[in-house]
Amino acid sequence: MFKVGVDVGGTFTDVLLVDTKSSSFFTSKVPSTPEDSSKGVLNGIKKACELANVDMADIEVITHGTTVATNAILTGKGAKVGLVTTKGYGQVLQILL
């Protein structure tokens, strides 16, 4: 079984491919594609699979994260957004802050 972790950054997309049976792992780093981040993700997964000689169809789990969003929050340069919740979910605002 193979698992993949992906981090999409502003400049690069990093991929970690793990073989859970043997505990071996492979990494790849490809340029991010801000116009469509899915392209960078797929390019990175494809590259890691090629290094590991693994068919992409053998991947069972993909976990995705992004430092693009984190950096936008930390620098305060993200878009102005609003959050609407239903009754009983006001604590979401406390969790986000």
N, C-alpha and C. Protein backbone atom coordinates (compact mmCIF):
# COMPACT_ATOMS: atom_id res chain seq x y z
N MET A 1 0.85 -1.18 0.00
CA MET A 1 0.00 0.00 0.00
C MET A 1 0.89 1.24 0.00
N PHE A 2 0.52 2.22 -0.77
CA PHE A 2 1.28 3.46 -0.86
C PHE A 2 0.43 4.63 -0.39
N LYS A 3 1.09 5.51 0.35
CA LYS A 3 0.46 6.75 0.81
C LYS A 3 1.28 7.92 0.31
N VAL A 4 0.60 9.03 0.06
CA VAL A 4 1.26 10.23 -0.44
C VAL A 4 0.89 11.41 0.44
N GLY A 5 1.88 12.22 0.75
CA GLY A 5 1.67 13.51 1.41
C GLY A 5 2.15 14.60 0.47
N VAL A 6 1.36 15.65 0.34
CA VAL A 6 1.69 16.74 -0.58
C VAL A 6 1.60 18.07 0.16
N ASP A 7 2.61 18.91 -0.05
CA ASP A 7 2.57 20.29 0.47
C ASP A 7 2.75 21.23 -0.70
N VAL A 8 1.74 22.06 -0.94
CA VAL A 8 1.80 23.04 -2.02
C VAL A 8 2.27 24.37 -1.43
N GLY A 9 3.42 24.80 -1.88
CA GLY A 9 3.96 26.09 -1.46
C GLY A 9 3.85 27.10 -2.59
N GLY A 10 4.25 28.30 -2.31
CA GLY A 10 4.17 29.35 -3.31
C GLY A 10 5.14 29.15 -4.46
N THR A 11 6.28 28.51 -4.19
CA THR A 11 7.30 28.30 -5.22
C THR A 11 7.40 26.84 -5.64
N PHE A 12 7.38 25.94 -4.65
CA PHE A 12 7.53 24.52 -4.95
C PHE A 12 6.40 23.70 -4.33
N THR A 13 6.15 22.55 -4.93
CA THR A 13 5.23 21.55 -4.40
C THR A 13 6.08 20.34 -4.02
N ASP A 14 5.99 19.93 -2.75
CA ASP A 14 6.77 18.82 -2.23
C ASP A 14 5.87 17.60 -2.06
N VAL A 15 6.41 16.44 -2.42
CA VAL A 15 5.65 15.19 -2.33
C VAL A 15 6.47 14.14 -1.59
N LEU A 16 5.81 13.41 -0.71
CA LEU A 16 6.40 12.26 -0.02
C LEU A 16 5.55 11.04 -0.35
N LEU A 17 6.17 10.02 -0.93
CA LEU A 17 5.51 8.76 -1.27
C LEU A 17 6.05 7.70 -0.34
N VAL A 18 5.16 7.03 0.41
CA VAL A 18 5.59 6.04 1.40
C VAL A 18 5.00 4.67 1.04
N ASP A 19 5.87 3.67 1.05
CA ASP A 19 5.45 2.27 0.92
C ASP A 19 5.24 1.77 2.33
N THR A 20 4.00 1.58 2.73
CA THR A 20 3.70 1.22 4.12
C THR A 20 4.12 -0.21 4.45
N LYS A 21 4.33 -1.04 3.45
CA LYS A 21 4.78 -2.42 3.72
C LYS A 21 6.26 -2.48 4.06
N SER A 22 7.07 -1.74 3.32
CA SER A 22 8.52 -1.79 3.52
C SER A 22 9.06 -0.59 4.30
N SER A 23 8.22 0.42 4.52
CA SER A 23 8.61 1.69 5.17
C SER A 23 9.60 2.49 4.33
N SER A 24 9.78 2.13 3.07
CA SER A 24 10.64 2.95 2.22
C SER A 24 9.85 4.17 1.75
N PHE A 25 10.58 5.22 1.41
CA PHE A 25 9.91 6.44 0.97
C PHE A 25 10.71 7.12 -0.12
N PHE A 26 10.01 7.93 -0.88
CA PHE A 26 10.59 8.67 -2.00
C PHE A 26 10.02 10.09 -1.96
N THR A 27 10.83 11.04 -2.34
CA THR A 27 10.38 12.43 -2.34
C THR A 27 10.57 13.05 -3.71
N SER A 28 9.79 14.08 -3.95
CA SER A 28 9.98 14.87 -5.16
C SER A 28 9.64 16.32 -4.86
N LYS A 29 10.24 17.20 -5.64
CA LYS A 29 10.00 18.64 -5.52
C LYS A 29 9.84 19.16 -6.94
N VAL A 30 8.72 19.77 -7.20
CA VAL A 30 8.44 20.32 -8.54
C VAL A 30 7.97 21.76 -8.38
N PRO A 31 8.07 22.54 -9.44
CA PRO A 31 7.55 23.92 -9.37
C PRO A 31 6.03 23.92 -9.11
N SER A 32 5.59 24.83 -8.25
CA SER A 32 4.15 25.00 -8.04
C SER A 32 3.54 25.66 -9.26
N THR A 33 2.25 25.44 -9.43
CA THR A 33 1.54 26.00 -10.57
C THR A 33 0.37 26.83 -10.04
N PRO A 34 0.62 28.09 -9.68
CA PRO A 34 -0.41 28.92 -9.04
C PRO A 34 -1.70 29.05 -9.85
N GLU A 35 -1.61 28.98 -11.17
CA GLU A 35 -2.83 29.10 -11.99
C GLU A 35 -3.75 27.90 -11.82
N ASP A 36 -3.18 26.76 -11.43
CA ASP A 36 -3.96 25.54 -11.18
C ASP A 36 -3.08 24.61 -10.35
N SER A 37 -3.22 24.67 -9.03
CA SER A 37 -2.32 23.92 -8.15
C SER A 37 -2.41 22.42 -8.34
N SER A 38 -3.52 21.94 -8.91
CA SER A 38 -3.63 20.49 -9.13
C SER A 38 -2.58 19.99 -10.12
N LYS A 39 -2.16 20.85 -11.05
CA LYS A 39 -1.13 20.44 -12.02
C LYS A 39 0.19 20.16 -11.31
N GLY A 40 0.58 21.04 -10.40
CA GLY A 40 1.81 20.84 -9.64
C GLY A 40 1.73 19.61 -8.76
N VAL A 41 0.56 19.39 -8.14
CA VAL A 41 0.37 18.21 -7.29
C VAL A 41 0.54 16.94 -8.13
N LEU A 42 -0.14 16.88 -9.26
CA LEU A 42 -0.05 15.68 -10.11
C LEU A 42 1.36 15.50 -10.67
N ASN A 43 2.02 16.59 -11.03
CA ASN A 43 3.40 16.49 -11.53
C ASN A 43 4.32 15.92 -10.45
N GLY A 44 4.13 16.37 -9.21
CA GLY A 44 4.96 15.90 -8.10
C GLY A 44 4.70 14.44 -7.78
N ILE A 45 3.44 14.04 -7.78
CA ILE A 45 3.11 12.63 -7.51
C ILE A 45 3.67 11.75 -8.62
N LYS A 46 3.51 12.20 -9.85
CA LYS A 46 4.03 11.42 -11.00
C LYS A 46 5.54 11.25 -10.87
N LYS A 47 6.24 12.31 -10.53
CA LYS A 47 7.70 12.25 -10.41
C LYS A 47 8.12 11.29 -9.29
N ALA A 48 7.44 11.36 -8.13
CA ALA A 48 7.76 10.45 -7.02
C ALA A 48 7.49 9.00 -7.41
N CYS A 49 6.40 8.76 -8.12
CA CYS A 49 6.07 7.40 -8.56
C CYS A 49 7.11 6.88 -9.55
N GLU A 50 7.59 7.75 -10.43
CA GLU A 50 8.63 7.34 -11.38
C GLU A 50 9.91 6.96 -10.64
N LEU A 51 10.29 7.74 -9.63
CA LEU A 51 11.49 7.43 -8.84
C LEU A 51 11.36 6.10 -8.11
N ALA A 52 10.14 5.80 -7.66
CA ALA A 52 9.90 4.58 -6.89
C ALA A 52 9.49 3.40 -7.76
N ASN A 53 9.32 3.64 -9.06
CA ASN A 53 8.82 2.61 -9.97
C ASN A 53 7.47 2.07 -9.49
N VAL A 54 6.57 3.00 -9.19
CA VAL A 54 5.24 2.68 -8.67
C VAL A 54 4.20 3.22 -9.63
N ASP A 55 3.14 2.46 -9.84
CA ASP A 55 2.02 2.92 -10.66
C ASP A 55 1.16 3.85 -9.80
N MET A 56 0.77 4.99 -10.33
CA MET A 56 -0.07 5.93 -9.57
C MET A 56 -1.36 5.27 -9.10
N ALA A 57 -1.84 4.28 -9.81
CA ALA A 57 -3.07 3.58 -9.42
C ALA A 57 -2.90 2.79 -8.12
N ASP A 58 -1.66 2.56 -7.70
CA ASP A 58 -1.40 1.82 -6.47
C ASP A 58 -1.45 2.69 -5.22
N ILE A 59 -1.63 3.99 -5.39
CA ILE A 59 -1.73 4.91 -4.25
C ILE A 59 -3.13 4.79 -3.66
N GLU A 60 -3.17 4.55 -2.35
CA GLU A 60 -4.47 4.39 -1.68
C GLU A 60 -4.90 5.61 -0.88
N VAL A 61 -3.93 6.41 -0.44
CA VAL A 61 -4.25 7.58 0.40
C VAL A 61 -3.40 8.76 -0.06
N ILE A 62 -4.04 9.91 -0.21
CA ILE A 62 -3.32 11.16 -0.48
C ILE A 62 -3.74 12.18 0.57
N THR A 63 -2.74 12.76 1.23
CA THR A 63 -2.98 13.80 2.21
C THR A 63 -2.39 15.09 1.67
N HIS A 64 -3.16 16.16 1.75
CA HIS A 64 -2.76 17.42 1.12
C HIS A 64 -2.71 18.54 2.15
N GLY A 65 -1.69 19.33 2.05
CA GLY A 65 -1.57 20.54 2.87
C GLY A 65 -1.02 21.65 2.01
N THR A 66 -1.09 22.85 2.54
CA THR A 66 -0.57 23.97 1.77
C THR A 66 0.02 25.03 2.67
N THR A 67 1.24 25.44 2.35
CA THR A 67 1.82 26.58 3.06
C THR A 67 1.39 27.89 2.40
N VAL A 68 0.79 27.81 1.22
CA VAL A 68 0.30 29.02 0.57
C VAL A 68 -0.74 29.69 1.47
N ALA A 69 -1.68 28.91 1.98
CA ALA A 69 -2.71 29.47 2.85
C ALA A 69 -2.11 29.95 4.17
N THR A 70 -1.21 29.17 4.73
CA THR A 70 -0.56 29.56 5.99
C THR A 70 0.18 30.88 5.82
N ASN A 71 0.94 30.99 4.75
CA ASN A 71 1.69 32.23 4.51
C ASN A 71 0.75 33.42 4.32
N ALA A 72 -0.37 33.22 3.65
CA ALA A 72 -1.33 34.31 3.45
C ALA A 72 -1.88 34.78 4.79
N ILE A 73 -2.16 33.85 5.68
CA ILE A 73 -2.67 34.20 7.00
C ILE A 73 -1.60 34.92 7.82
N LEU A 74 -0.40 34.38 7.82
CA LEU A 74 0.68 34.97 8.63
C LEU A 74 1.07 36.36 8.17
N THR A 75 1.03 36.60 6.88
CA THR A 75 1.43 37.91 6.35
C THR A 75 0.26 38.88 6.25
N GLY A 76 -0.96 38.38 6.44
CA GLY A 76 -2.14 39.24 6.33
C GLY A 76 -2.42 39.70 4.91
N LYS A 77 -1.93 38.96 3.92
CA LYS A 77 -2.10 39.37 2.53
C LYS A 77 -3.19 38.59 1.81
N GLY A 78 -3.97 37.83 2.54
CA GLY A 78 -5.06 37.08 1.92
C GLY A 78 -6.25 37.96 1.62
N ALA A 79 -7.21 37.39 0.97
CA ALA A 79 -8.43 38.11 0.63
C ALA A 79 -9.27 38.35 1.88
N LYS A 80 -10.06 39.41 1.88
CA LYS A 80 -11.00 39.65 2.96
C LYS A 80 -12.16 38.67 2.79
N VAL A 81 -12.46 37.96 3.86
CA VAL A 81 -13.50 36.93 3.80
C VAL A 81 -14.43 37.08 5.00
N GLY A 82 -15.55 36.42 4.91
CA GLY A 82 -16.50 36.39 6.01
C GLY A 82 -16.79 34.95 6.37
N LEU A 83 -17.33 34.75 7.56
CA LEU A 83 -17.69 33.41 8.00
C LEU A 83 -19.09 33.47 8.59
N VAL A 84 -19.97 32.66 8.06
CA VAL A 84 -21.34 32.59 8.55
C VAL A 84 -21.52 31.21 9.16
N THR A 85 -22.02 31.18 10.40
CA THR A 85 -22.25 29.88 11.05
C THR A 85 -23.71 29.79 11.48
N THR A 86 -24.13 28.58 11.75
CA THR A 86 -25.46 28.38 12.29
C THR A 86 -25.39 28.39 13.81
N LYS A 87 -26.55 28.49 14.43
CA LYS A 87 -26.63 28.55 15.88
C LYS A 87 -25.91 27.35 16.50
N GLY A 88 -25.08 27.65 17.49
CA GLY A 88 -24.36 26.59 18.17
C GLY A 88 -22.95 26.37 17.65
N TYR A 89 -22.56 27.10 16.61
CA TYR A 89 -21.23 26.92 16.05
C TYR A 89 -20.38 28.19 16.16
N GLY A 90 -20.72 29.06 17.07
CA GLY A 90 -19.97 30.30 17.25
C GLY A 90 -18.53 30.06 17.68
N GLN A 91 -18.26 28.92 18.33
CA GLN A 91 -16.89 28.62 18.77
C GLN A 91 -15.94 28.45 17.59
N VAL A 92 -16.45 28.28 16.40
CA VAL A 92 -15.59 28.17 15.22
C VAL A 92 -14.73 29.42 15.09
N LEU A 93 -15.30 30.57 15.41
CA LEU A 93 -14.53 31.82 15.36
C LEU A 93 -13.37 31.78 16.33
N GLN A 94 -13.57 31.24 17.52
CA GLN A 94 -12.49 31.13 18.51
C GLN A 94 -11.42 30.15 18.02
N ILE A 95 -11.82 29.08 17.38
CA ILE A 95 -10.88 28.08 16.87
C ILE A 95 -10.02 28.71 15.77
N LEU A 96 -10.63 29.51 14.91
CA LEU A 96 -9.91 30.12 13.80
C LEU A 96 -8.97 31.21 14.26
N LEU A 97 -9.29 31.88 15.33
CA LEU A 97 -8.44 32.96 15.81
C LEU A 97 -7.40 32.40 16.71
